[in-house]
Amino acid sequence: MIKERTAAKEAHHQADTIILFCVLILAGFGLVMVFSASYISSLEMRDDAFFFLRRQAFWVVLGLVGMLLAANFNYWKWRRLVPLLLAANFALLAALRIPGVGVEVNEATRWISMGGLTLQPSEFSKLVLVIFTAFYLSKKNVNIHNFWESSFVPLAVMSVTFLFILIQPDLGTAVALALITAVVIFVAGIPVGQLLALAALGLPLLAYLALSEPYRMRRIFSFLDPWADPLFSGYHIIQSLYALGPGGLFGVGLGRSRQKLYYLPEPQNDFIFAIIGEELGFLGALTVMLLFFILIWRGLIVSLTAPDVFGSLLAAGLISIVAVQAIINIGVVTGSIPVTGINLPFISAGGSSLFFTMFAMGILMNISRYSRGKGT
């Protein structure tokens, strides 16, 4: 313990600049694409073509401030804040159920109104669960081979958070949270037998949840055959593919998307990758995926070279927040998985998601300052 604390107190070198540049490029590109995807509908519906651009710019600046603060805050200190973070997590999730506090949009209560701004507690939950799971599994007295002494507690905390998010309802975010937690547990060295047992229990539960609500069933069936109901349950997937198809290799040109003209709903949010594919083509979409790949690769390097177990698990969890969301979002847009409400990190229009993801990257950069060896 003393050795780990000593290693975490003295920075070896500057933060990973590749992570920084990837985040800056993706966030900057997100500003361009949010404006391109939203300016026409924003002008007609809000009489302000720059509404979404200004809001996105505000959260990018706020995210940059949070990222810089996190990058200069010794990651070891997050261990001391775990009880406070858990309390804040459950307090915010519970506050959603208080009348007048939770904000309902499209029959879902996922946001809290705070002085003109809205906060989505589930985005905070991802960060908290990663920190808690890394903290718990890095304790010296934890026997990772004993399920009840190791994985059970993080999974129990995750399950309670999962239920809070599920009743909002938001199955997509709840599943993303479970996957992110599973990544940290896997990196911690959970035995293969335990991992298979958890998968055997989790997959039937996921299938039940996916089929227990009519609207979720429609999403599953529309994924299998969107043309069976092209004007309702299959509409999003079809319009997304209509955007990607005409994009070709080089795209139709920045700002010249047709699908954003009231064909593809909310093109600046969950389906912004489809607009990227339409306007900038396969090469533009490939460039975005390459940036995510580089960012994830650097995150894994930080995890592998962290000076202690806590830093290694924390880095793996933080980069999995980006990886899981990017994979799910791109999978949905390309028709590879059923539709969920997961946005594209750094690029989709948003507030809480953008801020907490950038904040997470700040913590990751702080861990990189203490990495072992050079050339990492």
Protein backbone atom coordinates (compact mmCIF):
# COMPACT_ATOMS: atom_id res chain seq x y z
CA MET A 1 0.00 0.00 0.00
CA ILE A 2 2.79 2.43 0.96
CA LYS A 3 4.66 1.56 -2.23
CA GLU A 4 1.58 2.22 -4.36
CA ARG A 5 0.89 5.56 -2.69
CA THR A 6 4.50 6.64 -3.17
CA ALA A 7 4.32 5.71 -6.86
CA ALA A 8 1.15 7.72 -7.26
CA LYS A 9 2.50 10.87 -5.60
CA GLU A 10 5.29 11.75 -8.01
CA ALA A 11 4.54 12.35 -11.65
CA HIS A 12 7.08 10.88 -14.05
CA HIS A 13 6.28 13.05 -17.06
CA GLN A 14 3.61 15.16 -18.72
CA ALA A 15 0.14 13.87 -19.49
CA ASP A 16 -0.49 11.86 -22.65
CA THR A 17 -0.80 14.50 -25.36
CA ILE A 18 -2.26 12.04 -27.87
CA ILE A 19 -5.30 11.58 -25.61
CA LEU A 20 -5.60 15.35 -25.30
CA PHE A 21 -5.36 15.94 -29.06
CA CYS A 22 -7.88 13.19 -29.85
CA VAL A 23 -10.40 14.67 -27.42
CA LEU A 24 -9.86 18.20 -28.74
CA ILE A 25 -10.20 17.10 -32.36
CA LEU A 26 -13.35 15.05 -31.68
CA ALA A 27 -14.95 17.82 -29.62
CA GLY A 28 -14.06 20.46 -32.21
CA PHE A 29 -15.35 18.27 -35.00
CA GLY A 30 -18.50 17.74 -32.94
CA LEU A 31 -19.11 21.50 -32.91
CA VAL A 32 -18.91 21.60 -36.71
CA MET A 33 -21.21 18.62 -37.19
CA VAL A 34 -23.76 19.69 -34.57
CA PHE A 35 -24.11 23.02 -36.37
CA SER A 36 -24.27 21.36 -39.78
CA ALA A 37 -26.90 18.86 -38.64
CA SER A 38 -29.09 21.30 -36.72
CA TYR A 39 -28.93 24.80 -38.15
CA ILE A 40 -31.92 24.46 -40.51
CA SER A 41 -34.30 22.83 -38.03
CA SER A 42 -33.02 25.13 -35.28
CA LEU A 43 -33.73 28.18 -37.42
CA GLU A 44 -37.26 27.09 -38.27
CA MET A 45 -38.27 25.72 -34.87
CA ARG A 46 -36.44 28.14 -32.56
CA ASP A 47 -35.82 31.11 -34.87
CA ASP A 48 -32.13 30.77 -34.04
CA ALA A 49 -29.80 28.86 -36.36
CA PHE A 50 -27.05 28.86 -33.74
CA PHE A 51 -29.07 27.52 -30.79
CA PHE A 52 -27.54 24.02 -30.68
CA LEU A 53 -24.09 25.31 -31.65
CA ARG A 54 -24.02 27.78 -28.74
CA ARG A 55 -25.24 25.16 -26.30
CA GLN A 56 -22.69 22.63 -27.54
CA ALA A 57 -19.90 25.23 -27.35
CA PHE A 58 -20.87 26.02 -23.77
CA TRP A 59 -20.60 22.37 -22.73
CA VAL A 60 -17.34 21.92 -24.65
CA VAL A 61 -15.79 24.84 -22.77
CA LEU A 62 -17.17 23.53 -19.47
CA GLY A 63 -15.86 20.07 -20.36
CA LEU A 64 -12.41 21.47 -21.15
CA VAL A 65 -12.28 23.17 -17.76
CA GLY A 66 -13.33 19.95 -16.05
CA MET A 67 -10.84 17.92 -18.06
CA LEU A 68 -7.94 20.25 -17.19
CA LEU A 69 -8.87 20.23 -13.50
CA ALA A 70 -9.10 16.43 -13.48
CA ALA A 71 -5.81 16.12 -15.35
CA ASN A 72 -4.09 18.02 -12.53
CA PHE A 73 -5.84 16.24 -9.64
CA ASN A 74 -3.88 13.25 -8.31
CA TYR A 75 -5.95 10.24 -9.30
CA TRP A 76 -5.09 8.47 -6.04
CA LYS A 77 -7.23 11.02 -4.16
CA TRP A 78 -10.38 9.70 -5.85
CA ARG A 79 -10.17 6.71 -3.51
CA ARG A 80 -10.90 8.98 -0.54
CA LEU A 81 -13.93 10.45 -2.28
CA VAL A 82 -15.63 7.12 -3.04
CA PRO A 83 -18.20 7.30 -0.17
CA LEU A 84 -19.15 10.85 -1.16
CA LEU A 85 -19.38 9.93 -4.84
CA LEU A 86 -21.63 6.95 -4.12
CA ALA A 87 -23.90 9.05 -1.90
CA ALA A 88 -24.16 11.73 -4.58
CA ASN A 89 -24.85 9.11 -7.25
CA PHE A 90 -27.82 7.57 -5.45
CA ALA A 91 -29.10 10.93 -4.25
CA LEU A 92 -29.24 12.27 -7.81
CA LEU A 93 -30.86 9.11 -9.17
CA ALA A 94 -33.45 9.17 -6.39
CA ALA A 95 -34.12 12.88 -6.98
CA LEU A 96 -35.44 12.01 -10.44
CA ARG A 97 -38.46 10.41 -8.74
CA ILE A 98 -39.33 13.60 -6.84
CA PRO A 99 -42.19 15.49 -8.54
CA GLY A 100 -41.01 18.84 -9.85
CA VAL A 101 -37.33 17.84 -9.76
CA GLY A 102 -37.12 15.24 -12.49
CA VAL A 103 -37.73 16.52 -16.02
CA GLU A 104 -39.86 14.28 -18.24
CA VAL A 105 -39.17 14.22 -21.98
CA ASN A 106 -40.89 11.76 -24.33
CA GLU A 107 -42.31 9.77 -21.38
CA ALA A 108 -38.85 9.32 -19.83
CA THR A 109 -37.59 11.06 -16.68
CA ARG A 110 -33.81 11.18 -17.08
CA TRP A 111 -32.87 14.78 -16.33
CA ILE A 112 -32.78 17.13 -13.35
CA SER A 113 -33.33 20.83 -13.95
CA MET A 114 -30.66 22.99 -12.31
CA GLY A 115 -30.96 26.73 -12.82
CA GLY A 116 -31.70 26.62 -16.53
CA LEU A 117 -29.36 23.67 -17.14
CA THR A 118 -30.24 20.00 -17.12
CA LEU A 119 -28.17 17.25 -15.54
CA GLN A 120 -28.48 13.59 -16.51
CA PRO A 121 -27.52 11.60 -13.38
CA SER A 122 -26.89 8.39 -15.32
CA GLU A 123 -23.87 10.03 -16.99
CA PHE A 124 -22.45 10.79 -13.56
CA SER A 125 -23.21 7.19 -12.55
CA LYS A 126 -20.86 5.78 -15.20
CA LEU A 127 -17.93 7.73 -13.80
CA VAL A 128 -18.81 6.91 -10.18
CA LEU A 129 -19.20 3.17 -10.83
CA VAL A 130 -15.82 3.05 -12.60
CA ILE A 131 -14.07 4.80 -9.70
CA PHE A 132 -15.82 2.65 -7.08
CA THR A 133 -15.20 -0.66 -8.86
CA ALA A 134 -11.53 0.17 -9.45
CA PHE A 135 -11.17 1.22 -5.82
CA TYR A 136 -12.85 -1.87 -4.40
CA LEU A 137 -11.06 -4.44 -6.57
CA SER A 138 -7.65 -2.83 -6.01
CA LYS A 139 -7.80 -3.26 -2.23
CA LYS A 140 -5.05 -5.55 -0.93
CA ASN A 141 -7.39 -7.79 1.05
CA VAL A 142 -9.61 -8.62 -1.94
CA ASN A 143 -9.31 -12.16 -3.29
CA ILE A 144 -10.34 -11.81 -6.93
CA HIS A 145 -10.85 -15.57 -7.20
CA ASN A 146 -13.55 -15.49 -4.52
CA PHE A 147 -16.70 -14.04 -6.08
CA TRP A 148 -18.30 -13.00 -2.78
CA GLU A 149 -15.15 -11.19 -1.63
CA SER A 150 -14.48 -9.42 -4.92
CA SER A 151 -16.95 -9.04 -7.77
CA PHE A 152 -20.14 -9.37 -5.73
CA VAL A 153 -19.99 -5.92 -4.09
CA PRO A 154 -19.29 -3.91 -7.30
CA LEU A 155 -21.97 -5.91 -9.11
CA ALA A 156 -24.44 -5.26 -6.27
CA VAL A 157 -23.80 -1.51 -6.39
CA MET A 158 -24.04 -1.60 -10.18
CA SER A 159 -27.32 -3.54 -9.99
CA VAL A 160 -28.96 -0.95 -7.74
CA THR A 161 -27.80 1.82 -10.08
CA PHE A 162 -28.98 -0.29 -13.04
CA LEU A 163 -32.49 -0.50 -11.56
CA PHE A 164 -32.63 3.25 -10.93
CA ILE A 165 -31.73 3.91 -14.58
CA LEU A 166 -34.00 1.16 -15.89
CA ILE A 167 -37.13 2.71 -14.31
CA GLN A 168 -36.47 6.10 -15.95
CA PRO A 169 -36.81 4.17 -18.37
CA ASP A 170 -33.42 3.90 -20.12
CA LEU A 171 -32.40 0.33 -20.84
CA GLY A 172 -29.65 1.37 -23.28
CA THR A 173 -27.74 3.43 -20.70
CA ALA A 174 -28.30 0.76 -18.04
CA VAL A 175 -26.78 -1.89 -20.30
CA ALA A 176 -23.85 0.41 -21.15
CA LEU A 177 -23.27 0.89 -17.42
CA ALA A 178 -23.25 -2.88 -16.87
CA LEU A 179 -20.79 -3.40 -19.73
CA ILE A 180 -18.44 -0.70 -18.42
CA THR A 181 -18.48 -2.26 -14.94
CA ALA A 182 -17.88 -5.69 -16.50
CA VAL A 183 -14.78 -4.36 -18.27
CA VAL A 184 -13.23 -3.24 -14.97
CA ILE A 185 -14.04 -6.58 -13.33
CA PHE A 186 -12.58 -8.46 -16.31
CA VAL A 187 -9.36 -6.42 -16.25
CA ALA A 188 -9.10 -7.08 -12.51
CA GLY A 189 -8.65 -10.77 -13.34
CA ILE A 190 -11.99 -12.41 -12.65
CA PRO A 191 -11.72 -16.17 -13.32
CA VAL A 192 -13.12 -17.33 -16.65
CA GLY A 193 -15.59 -19.62 -14.91
CA GLN A 194 -17.10 -16.74 -12.95
CA LEU A 195 -17.23 -14.62 -16.09
CA LEU A 196 -19.11 -17.33 -18.00
CA ALA A 197 -21.50 -17.84 -15.09
CA LEU A 198 -22.28 -14.12 -14.97
CA ALA A 199 -22.84 -14.09 -18.73
CA ALA A 200 -25.17 -17.08 -18.41
CA LEU A 201 -27.22 -15.17 -15.85
CA GLY A 202 -27.03 -11.78 -17.50
CA LEU A 203 -27.98 -12.64 -21.08
CA PRO A 204 -31.38 -14.21 -20.24
CA LEU A 205 -32.13 -11.23 -17.98
CA LEU A 206 -31.23 -8.84 -20.79
CA ALA A 207 -33.44 -10.79 -23.19
CA TYR A 208 -36.33 -10.60 -20.73
CA LEU A 209 -35.91 -6.85 -20.25
CA ALA A 210 -35.68 -6.31 -24.02
CA LEU A 211 -38.92 -8.23 -24.62
CA SER A 212 -40.87 -7.17 -21.52
CA GLU A 213 -41.99 -3.83 -22.96
CA PRO A 214 -43.87 -3.48 -26.28
CA TYR A 215 -41.72 -0.60 -27.52
CA ARG A 216 -38.54 -2.59 -26.84
CA MET A 217 -39.96 -5.57 -28.70
CA ARG A 218 -40.73 -3.34 -31.65
CA ARG A 219 -37.12 -2.16 -31.67
CA ILE A 220 -35.87 -5.74 -31.73
CA PHE A 221 -38.16 -6.72 -34.58
CA SER A 222 -37.42 -3.53 -36.51
CA PHE A 223 -33.72 -4.31 -36.19
CA LEU A 224 -34.33 -7.74 -37.72
CA ASP A 225 -36.54 -6.33 -40.49
CA PRO A 226 -36.91 -2.51 -40.51
CA TRP A 227 -38.94 -2.65 -43.71
CA ALA A 228 -41.73 -4.54 -41.95
CA ASP A 229 -42.75 -1.21 -40.38
CA PRO A 230 -40.92 1.50 -42.35
CA LEU A 231 -43.00 4.42 -41.04
CA PHE A 232 -42.84 3.60 -37.35
CA SER A 233 -40.50 1.20 -35.55
CA GLY A 234 -38.15 0.79 -38.54
CA TYR A 235 -38.12 4.47 -39.46
CA HIS A 236 -34.92 5.50 -37.66
CA ILE A 237 -32.83 2.66 -39.04
CA ILE A 238 -34.08 3.13 -42.60
CA GLN A 239 -33.48 6.89 -42.60
CA SER A 240 -30.05 6.36 -41.11
CA LEU A 241 -29.13 3.95 -43.89
CA TYR A 242 -30.57 6.38 -46.43
CA ALA A 243 -28.09 8.93 -45.09
CA LEU A 244 -25.06 6.61 -45.13
CA GLY A 245 -25.75 5.17 -48.60
CA PRO A 246 -25.62 8.36 -50.72
CA GLY A 247 -22.50 9.51 -48.86
CA GLY A 248 -20.33 7.21 -50.92
CA LEU A 249 -16.61 7.62 -50.57
CA PHE A 250 -16.32 11.40 -50.19
CA GLY A 251 -19.85 12.45 -49.15
CA VAL A 252 -22.32 14.96 -50.60
CA GLY A 253 -20.49 17.87 -48.97
CA LEU A 254 -20.43 19.50 -45.54
CA GLY A 255 -23.80 21.09 -44.77
CA ARG A 256 -25.54 19.45 -47.73
CA SER A 257 -27.23 16.54 -45.99
CA ARG A 258 -30.77 15.77 -47.14
CA GLN A 259 -31.69 13.48 -44.28
CA LYS A 260 -31.35 16.27 -41.72
CA LEU A 261 -34.26 18.03 -43.44
CA TYR A 262 -36.85 16.43 -41.13
CA TYR A 263 -36.29 12.90 -42.41
CA LEU A 264 -33.92 11.69 -39.69
CA PRO A 265 -35.26 12.79 -36.27
CA GLU A 266 -32.83 14.72 -34.03
CA PRO A 267 -29.88 14.34 -36.44
CA GLN A 268 -27.59 16.32 -34.11
CA ASN A 269 -27.97 13.73 -31.33
CA ASP A 270 -27.92 9.93 -31.47
CA PHE A 271 -27.77 9.71 -35.28
CA ILE A 272 -25.14 12.35 -35.96
CA PHE A 273 -22.79 9.64 -37.27
CA ALA A 274 -25.26 9.08 -40.12
CA ILE A 275 -24.99 12.76 -41.05
CA ILE A 276 -21.20 12.47 -40.93
CA GLY A 277 -21.39 9.54 -43.33
CA GLU A 278 -23.74 11.40 -45.65
CA GLU A 279 -21.88 14.71 -45.75
CA LEU A 280 -18.28 13.49 -45.48
CA GLY A 281 -18.65 9.99 -46.90
CA PHE A 282 -16.91 6.77 -45.97
CA LEU A 283 -13.58 8.54 -45.53
CA GLY A 284 -15.06 11.02 -43.08
CA ALA A 285 -16.75 8.29 -41.07
CA LEU A 286 -13.58 6.20 -41.16
CA THR A 287 -11.54 9.15 -39.87
CA VAL A 288 -13.87 9.51 -36.89
CA MET A 289 -13.61 5.80 -36.12
CA LEU A 290 -9.82 6.00 -36.45
CA LEU A 291 -9.71 8.83 -33.90
CA PHE A 292 -11.75 6.74 -31.48
CA PHE A 293 -9.46 3.79 -32.10
CA ILE A 294 -6.36 5.88 -31.33
CA LEU A 295 -7.97 7.27 -28.19
CA ILE A 296 -8.98 3.81 -26.96
CA TRP A 297 -5.53 2.43 -27.79
CA ARG A 298 -3.84 5.18 -25.77
CA GLY A 299 -6.24 4.54 -22.91
CA LEU A 300 -5.28 0.86 -22.90
CA ILE A 301 -1.59 1.83 -22.89
CA VAL A 302 -2.21 4.01 -19.85
CA SER A 303 -3.96 1.10 -18.14
CA LEU A 304 -1.10 -1.28 -18.90
CA THR A 305 1.61 1.13 -17.70
CA ALA A 306 -0.15 2.54 -14.62
CA PRO A 307 2.02 2.39 -11.47
CA ASP A 308 -0.55 0.56 -9.34
CA VAL A 309 -3.60 -1.68 -9.56
CA PHE A 310 -6.05 1.13 -8.83
CA GLY A 311 -4.65 3.27 -11.63
CA SER A 312 -4.70 0.35 -14.05
CA LEU A 313 -8.32 -0.58 -13.33
CA LEU A 314 -9.42 3.05 -13.27
CA ALA A 315 -7.82 3.75 -16.66
CA ALA A 316 -9.43 0.66 -18.18
CA GLY A 317 -12.84 1.70 -16.89
CA LEU A 318 -12.51 5.30 -18.02
CA ILE A 319 -11.56 4.42 -21.58
CA SER A 320 -14.32 1.80 -21.67
CA ILE A 321 -16.85 4.62 -21.13
CA VAL A 322 -15.80 5.98 -24.52
CA ALA A 323 -15.36 2.59 -26.19
CA VAL A 324 -18.71 1.12 -25.15
CA GLN A 325 -20.69 4.20 -26.13
CA ALA A 326 -18.91 4.66 -29.47
CA ILE A 327 -19.36 1.00 -30.43
CA ILE A 328 -23.04 1.00 -29.48
CA ASN A 329 -23.80 4.28 -31.24
CA ILE A 330 -22.03 3.37 -34.48
CA GLY A 331 -23.61 -0.08 -34.32
CA VAL A 332 -27.09 1.46 -34.07
CA VAL A 333 -26.51 3.98 -36.86
CA THR A 334 -25.23 1.29 -39.24
CA GLY A 335 -28.10 -1.07 -38.39
CA SER A 336 -25.79 -3.57 -36.69
CA ILE A 337 -27.60 -3.57 -33.33
CA PRO A 338 -31.10 -2.49 -32.20
CA VAL A 339 -31.82 1.19 -31.63
CA THR A 340 -30.81 2.57 -28.22
CA GLY A 341 -30.50 6.09 -26.88
CA ILE A 342 -26.69 6.10 -26.64
CA ASN A 343 -24.97 9.14 -28.14
CA LEU A 344 -21.60 9.40 -29.87
CA PRO A 345 -18.97 10.59 -27.35
CA PHE A 346 -17.67 14.15 -27.83
CA ILE A 347 -19.63 14.62 -31.08
CA SER A 348 -23.36 14.25 -30.42
CA ALA A 349 -25.18 17.31 -29.08
CA GLY A 350 -25.44 16.99 -25.34
CA GLY A 351 -24.56 18.40 -21.98
CA SER A 352 -24.00 15.97 -19.12
CA SER A 353 -22.62 13.24 -21.37
CA LEU A 354 -20.10 15.57 -23.00
CA PHE A 355 -18.96 17.08 -19.70
CA PHE A 356 -18.52 13.83 -17.76
CA THR A 357 -16.83 12.06 -20.68
CA MET A 358 -14.31 14.88 -21.03
CA PHE A 359 -13.85 14.90 -17.25
CA ALA A 360 -13.15 11.15 -17.40
CA MET A 361 -10.50 11.76 -20.04
CA GLY A 362 -8.92 14.31 -17.71
CA ILE A 363 -8.58 11.64 -15.01
CA LEU A 364 -7.12 9.29 -17.62
CA MET A 365 -4.54 11.90 -18.57
CA ASN A 366 -3.60 12.32 -14.92
CA ILE A 367 -2.97 8.58 -14.62
CA SER A 368 -0.77 8.79 -17.73
CA ARG A 369 1.51 11.23 -15.90
CA TYR A 370 2.56 8.43 -13.56
CA SER A 371 2.95 5.65 -16.12
CA ARG A 372 5.98 3.39 -15.97
CA GLY A 373 8.72 3.64 -18.59
CA LYS A 374 9.19 5.97 -21.54
CA GLY A 375 7.73 6.08 -25.00
CA THR A 376 4.28 5.19 -23.74
